[in-house]
Amino acid sequence: MAHRESHRVDRIGWLRAAVLGANDGLVSTASLIVGVAAAAADHGSVVIAGVAGLAAGAMSMAAGEYVSVSSQSDTEKADLARETSELAGDHEAEVRELAGIYVARGVTPDLATEVAKQMMAHDALGAHARDELGISEITTARPIQAALTSAVTFSAGAALPLLVAALAPMTGLVFWVAGSALAGLALLGALGAKTGGAPIGRSVVRVVFWGALAMAITAGVGRLFGVAA
């Protein structure tokens, strides 16, 4: 019976975009609402600011992820094109290069050469992409997936403080939004850590600390400008 193992590395791409999107949506929208509320704005203005923050943030996250991951994808494609040219130009040199990589990993020279020949006979470009360039099916860039994931998860994260802001009374709204946001961040940190196999406590403390700091700073800015007005 074949032994099957479950690893988490195949989750890196979407997990990174999902955690980043939800965390940013929760922190930035809650901070915006807290800052506007601290400036003594009326309830309607606070909610409108939250809605605007959700829409603008989701689009910004999607665009930023798409551009960033597209740049990575372009680099990967350029490297693969160059590798294809090198394989066509001097196949034997590429065999020696691949064998050298295996030797550096602890394989004996003769065996490394034989392995390199067999790997390249099966899929020369794939072997060099994986072992020389570090490009594989798991780690390859997917711009559209990253953009959509970021936009959706940003909106999901932003929905919590926005909903609380819409339902909570204006008196104490800052504390309601901040408290719910910190609770949401703690849950997000725990879920992200569990999914990725990382220590839960450290992840929770990290996201809660930076979220609290962001809201405290924006509340201070809102209070400053509110008093100045």
Protein backbone atom coordinates (compact mmCIF):
# COMPACT_ATOMS: atom_id res chain seq x y z
CA MET A 1 0.00 0.00 0.00
CA ALA A 2 1.40 3.39 -1.00
CA HIS A 3 2.39 5.73 1.80
CA ARG A 4 0.73 9.12 1.33
CA GLU A 5 1.88 12.23 3.12
CA SER A 6 0.07 15.51 3.60
CA HIS A 7 2.15 18.67 3.41
CA ARG A 8 1.25 22.33 3.77
CA VAL A 9 3.68 23.83 1.27
CA ASP A 10 1.07 23.60 -1.50
CA ARG A 11 -1.04 26.08 0.48
CA ILE A 12 1.60 28.81 0.58
CA GLY A 13 0.34 30.84 -2.39
CA TRP A 14 -3.34 31.09 -1.57
CA LEU A 15 -2.78 31.08 2.19
CA ARG A 16 -0.45 34.07 1.99
CA ALA A 17 -2.92 36.07 -0.13
CA ALA A 18 -5.90 35.05 2.02
CA VAL A 19 -4.29 35.90 5.35
CA LEU A 20 -2.86 39.16 4.03
CA GLY A 21 -6.18 40.20 2.50
CA ALA A 22 -8.37 39.41 5.50
CA ASN A 23 -5.92 40.90 7.97
CA ASP A 24 -5.54 44.09 5.95
CA GLY A 25 -9.30 44.39 5.44
CA LEU A 26 -10.00 44.01 9.13
CA VAL A 27 -7.22 46.29 10.37
CA SER A 28 -7.49 49.06 7.79
CA THR A 29 -11.29 49.31 7.83
CA ALA A 30 -11.53 49.12 11.62
CA SER A 31 -8.76 51.73 11.93
CA LEU A 32 -10.50 54.01 9.43
CA ILE A 33 -13.83 53.72 11.25
CA VAL A 34 -12.20 54.28 14.64
CA GLY A 35 -10.31 57.31 13.34
CA VAL A 36 -13.38 58.91 11.78
CA ALA A 37 -15.49 58.17 14.87
CA ALA A 38 -12.81 59.62 17.14
CA ALA A 39 -12.99 62.84 15.11
CA ALA A 40 -16.56 63.27 16.39
CA ALA A 41 -18.18 62.56 13.01
CA ASP A 42 -21.85 61.58 12.87
CA HIS A 43 -22.94 57.94 12.58
CA GLY A 44 -23.79 58.15 8.89
CA SER A 45 -20.40 59.60 7.99
CA VAL A 46 -18.64 56.84 9.92
CA VAL A 47 -20.52 54.11 8.07
CA ILE A 48 -19.97 55.77 4.67
CA ALA A 49 -16.26 56.05 5.42
CA GLY A 50 -16.21 52.33 6.25
CA VAL A 51 -17.98 51.38 3.02
CA ALA A 52 -15.62 53.55 0.99
CA GLY A 53 -12.65 52.00 2.78
CA LEU A 54 -13.89 48.49 2.00
CA ALA A 55 -14.39 49.22 -1.71
CA ALA A 56 -11.14 51.11 -2.17
CA GLY A 57 -9.14 48.64 -0.13
CA ALA A 58 -10.45 45.57 -1.96
CA MET A 59 -9.61 47.08 -5.33
CA SER A 60 -6.21 48.24 -4.12
CA MET A 61 -5.37 44.79 -2.74
CA ALA A 62 -6.48 43.08 -5.94
CA ALA A 63 -4.51 45.45 -8.15
CA GLY A 64 -1.43 45.30 -5.95
CA GLU A 65 -1.41 41.50 -5.79
CA TYR A 66 -2.02 41.19 -9.53
CA VAL A 67 0.82 43.54 -10.42
CA SER A 68 3.20 42.00 -7.90
CA VAL A 69 2.52 38.38 -8.79
CA SER A 70 2.45 39.22 -12.52
CA SER A 71 5.99 40.57 -12.17
CA GLN A 72 7.01 37.29 -10.56
CA SER A 73 5.28 35.38 -13.36
CA ASP A 74 7.06 37.46 -16.03
CA THR A 75 10.41 36.72 -14.40
CA GLU A 76 9.64 33.00 -14.29
CA LYS A 77 8.65 33.00 -17.96
CA ALA A 78 11.83 34.86 -18.94
CA ASP A 79 13.97 32.39 -17.00
CA LEU A 80 12.19 29.43 -18.62
CA ALA A 81 12.63 30.94 -22.09
CA ARG A 82 16.36 31.41 -21.46
CA GLU A 83 16.63 27.86 -20.13
CA THR A 84 14.85 26.52 -23.23
CA SER A 85 17.36 28.33 -25.42
CA GLU A 86 20.29 26.97 -23.42
CA LEU A 87 18.94 23.42 -23.66
CA ALA A 88 18.65 23.74 -27.42
CA GLY A 89 22.12 25.29 -27.73
CA ASP A 90 24.26 22.95 -25.63
CA HIS A 91 22.42 19.95 -24.24
CA GLU A 92 25.51 18.28 -22.78
CA ALA A 93 26.48 21.38 -20.85
CA GLU A 94 23.02 21.43 -19.33
CA VAL A 95 23.38 17.78 -18.33
CA ARG A 96 26.65 18.63 -16.55
CA GLU A 97 25.03 21.63 -14.90
CA LEU A 98 22.14 19.58 -13.57
CA ALA A 99 24.48 16.81 -12.45
CA GLY A 100 26.54 19.41 -10.58
CA ILE A 101 23.44 20.47 -8.67
CA TYR A 102 22.81 16.88 -7.59
CA VAL A 103 26.46 16.43 -6.60
CA ALA A 104 26.21 19.54 -4.41
CA ARG A 105 23.24 17.89 -2.68
CA GLY A 106 25.27 14.80 -1.83
CA VAL A 107 24.85 12.47 -4.83
CA THR A 108 27.99 10.79 -6.17
CA PRO A 109 29.21 12.22 -9.52
CA ASP A 110 28.52 9.09 -11.59
CA LEU A 111 25.05 8.64 -10.18
CA ALA A 112 24.35 12.36 -10.46
CA THR A 113 25.20 12.28 -14.16
CA GLU A 114 22.98 9.26 -14.73
CA VAL A 115 20.11 10.85 -12.82
CA ALA A 116 20.52 14.10 -14.76
CA LYS A 117 20.42 12.23 -18.08
CA GLN A 118 17.30 10.30 -17.11
CA MET A 119 15.53 13.36 -15.72
CA MET A 120 16.29 15.36 -18.85
CA ALA A 121 15.21 12.50 -21.10
CA HIS A 122 11.86 12.58 -19.35
CA ASP A 123 11.41 16.38 -19.10
CA ALA A 124 14.53 18.48 -19.59
CA LEU A 125 12.93 21.88 -19.06
CA GLY A 126 10.92 20.68 -16.07
CA ALA A 127 14.03 19.23 -14.42
CA HIS A 128 15.98 22.48 -14.81
CA ALA A 129 13.00 24.62 -13.82
CA ARG A 130 12.56 22.67 -10.60
CA ASP A 131 16.17 21.95 -9.58
CA GLU A 132 18.05 24.90 -11.07
CA LEU A 133 15.50 27.73 -10.99
CA GLY A 134 13.31 26.60 -8.09
CA ILE A 135 10.11 26.83 -10.16
CA SER A 136 7.49 24.14 -9.62
CA GLU A 137 3.75 23.63 -9.97
CA ILE A 138 3.34 24.39 -6.26
CA THR A 139 5.27 27.65 -6.17
CA THR A 140 4.55 29.06 -9.63
CA ALA A 141 2.99 32.52 -9.73
CA ARG A 142 -0.77 32.79 -10.33
CA PRO A 143 -1.68 36.50 -10.64
CA ILE A 144 -5.44 36.16 -11.13
CA GLN A 145 -5.81 33.71 -8.24
CA ALA A 146 -3.81 36.00 -5.96
CA ALA A 147 -5.80 39.10 -7.00
CA LEU A 148 -9.21 37.50 -6.54
CA THR A 149 -8.24 35.90 -3.25
CA SER A 150 -6.96 39.20 -1.89
CA ALA A 151 -10.06 41.15 -2.96
CA VAL A 152 -12.51 38.61 -1.55
CA THR A 153 -10.67 38.09 1.74
CA PHE A 154 -10.12 41.85 2.20
CA SER A 155 -13.86 42.38 1.82
CA ALA A 156 -14.59 39.54 4.25
CA GLY A 157 -12.22 41.01 6.82
CA ALA A 158 -13.58 44.53 6.36
CA ALA A 159 -17.18 43.35 6.72
CA LEU A 160 -16.86 42.72 10.47
CA PRO A 161 -15.95 46.25 11.66
CA LEU A 162 -18.31 47.75 9.07
CA LEU A 163 -21.23 45.65 10.34
CA VAL A 164 -20.43 46.53 13.95
CA ALA A 165 -20.20 50.23 13.04
CA ALA A 166 -23.58 50.11 11.34
CA LEU A 167 -25.33 48.37 14.26
CA ALA A 168 -23.58 49.81 17.32
CA PRO A 169 -24.74 53.07 18.93
CA MET A 170 -22.57 56.08 18.32
CA THR A 171 -21.85 56.30 22.04
CA GLY A 172 -19.03 53.83 22.61
CA LEU A 173 -18.78 52.96 18.90
CA VAL A 174 -14.99 53.23 18.98
CA PHE A 175 -14.78 50.57 21.68
CA TRP A 176 -17.30 48.29 19.98
CA VAL A 177 -15.42 48.41 16.68
CA ALA A 178 -11.99 48.10 18.26
CA GLY A 179 -13.04 45.21 20.48
CA SER A 180 -14.70 43.26 17.68
CA ALA A 181 -11.74 43.91 15.40
CA LEU A 182 -9.26 42.60 17.96
CA ALA A 183 -11.41 39.50 18.50
CA GLY A 184 -11.56 38.99 14.75
CA LEU A 185 -7.81 39.40 14.43
CA ALA A 186 -7.23 36.84 17.17
CA LEU A 187 -9.48 34.36 15.37
CA LEU A 188 -7.81 35.10 12.04
CA GLY A 189 -4.36 34.63 13.52
CA ALA A 190 -5.38 31.32 15.07
CA LEU A 191 -6.96 30.02 11.85
CA GLY A 192 -3.99 31.09 9.75
CA ALA A 193 -1.54 29.46 12.12
CA LYS A 194 -3.55 26.23 12.31
CA THR A 195 -3.89 26.02 8.54
CA GLY A 196 -0.20 26.68 7.99
CA GLY A 197 0.98 24.51 10.88
CA ALA A 198 2.58 27.41 12.78
CA PRO A 199 2.45 28.12 16.55
CA ILE A 200 -1.01 29.55 17.29
CA GLY A 201 -0.14 31.68 20.33
CA ARG A 202 2.64 33.60 18.64
CA SER A 203 0.53 34.25 15.56
CA VAL A 204 -2.40 35.55 17.62
CA VAL A 205 -0.21 37.89 19.69
CA ARG A 206 1.46 39.23 16.55
CA VAL A 207 -1.70 40.15 14.65
CA VAL A 208 -3.51 41.51 17.71
CA PHE A 209 -0.57 43.71 18.68
CA TRP A 210 -0.19 45.32 15.27
CA GLY A 211 -3.94 45.69 14.84
CA ALA A 212 -4.26 47.42 18.22
CA LEU A 213 -1.35 49.71 17.39
CA ALA A 214 -2.87 50.69 14.03
CA MET A 215 -6.24 51.50 15.59
CA ALA A 216 -4.65 53.43 18.44
CA ILE A 217 -2.66 55.60 16.04
CA THR A 218 -5.63 56.36 13.77
CA ALA A 219 -7.83 57.07 16.78
CA GLY A 220 -5.22 59.55 17.96
CA VAL A 221 -5.11 61.22 14.56
CA GLY A 222 -8.91 61.39 14.42
CA ARG A 223 -9.11 62.86 17.90
CA LEU A 224 -6.42 65.43 17.07
CA PHE A 225 -8.17 66.68 13.96
CA GLY A 226 -11.57 66.47 15.59
CA VAL A 227 -10.45 68.68 18.45
CA ALA A 228 -8.70 71.05 16.04
CA ALA A 229 -11.94 71.42 14.07
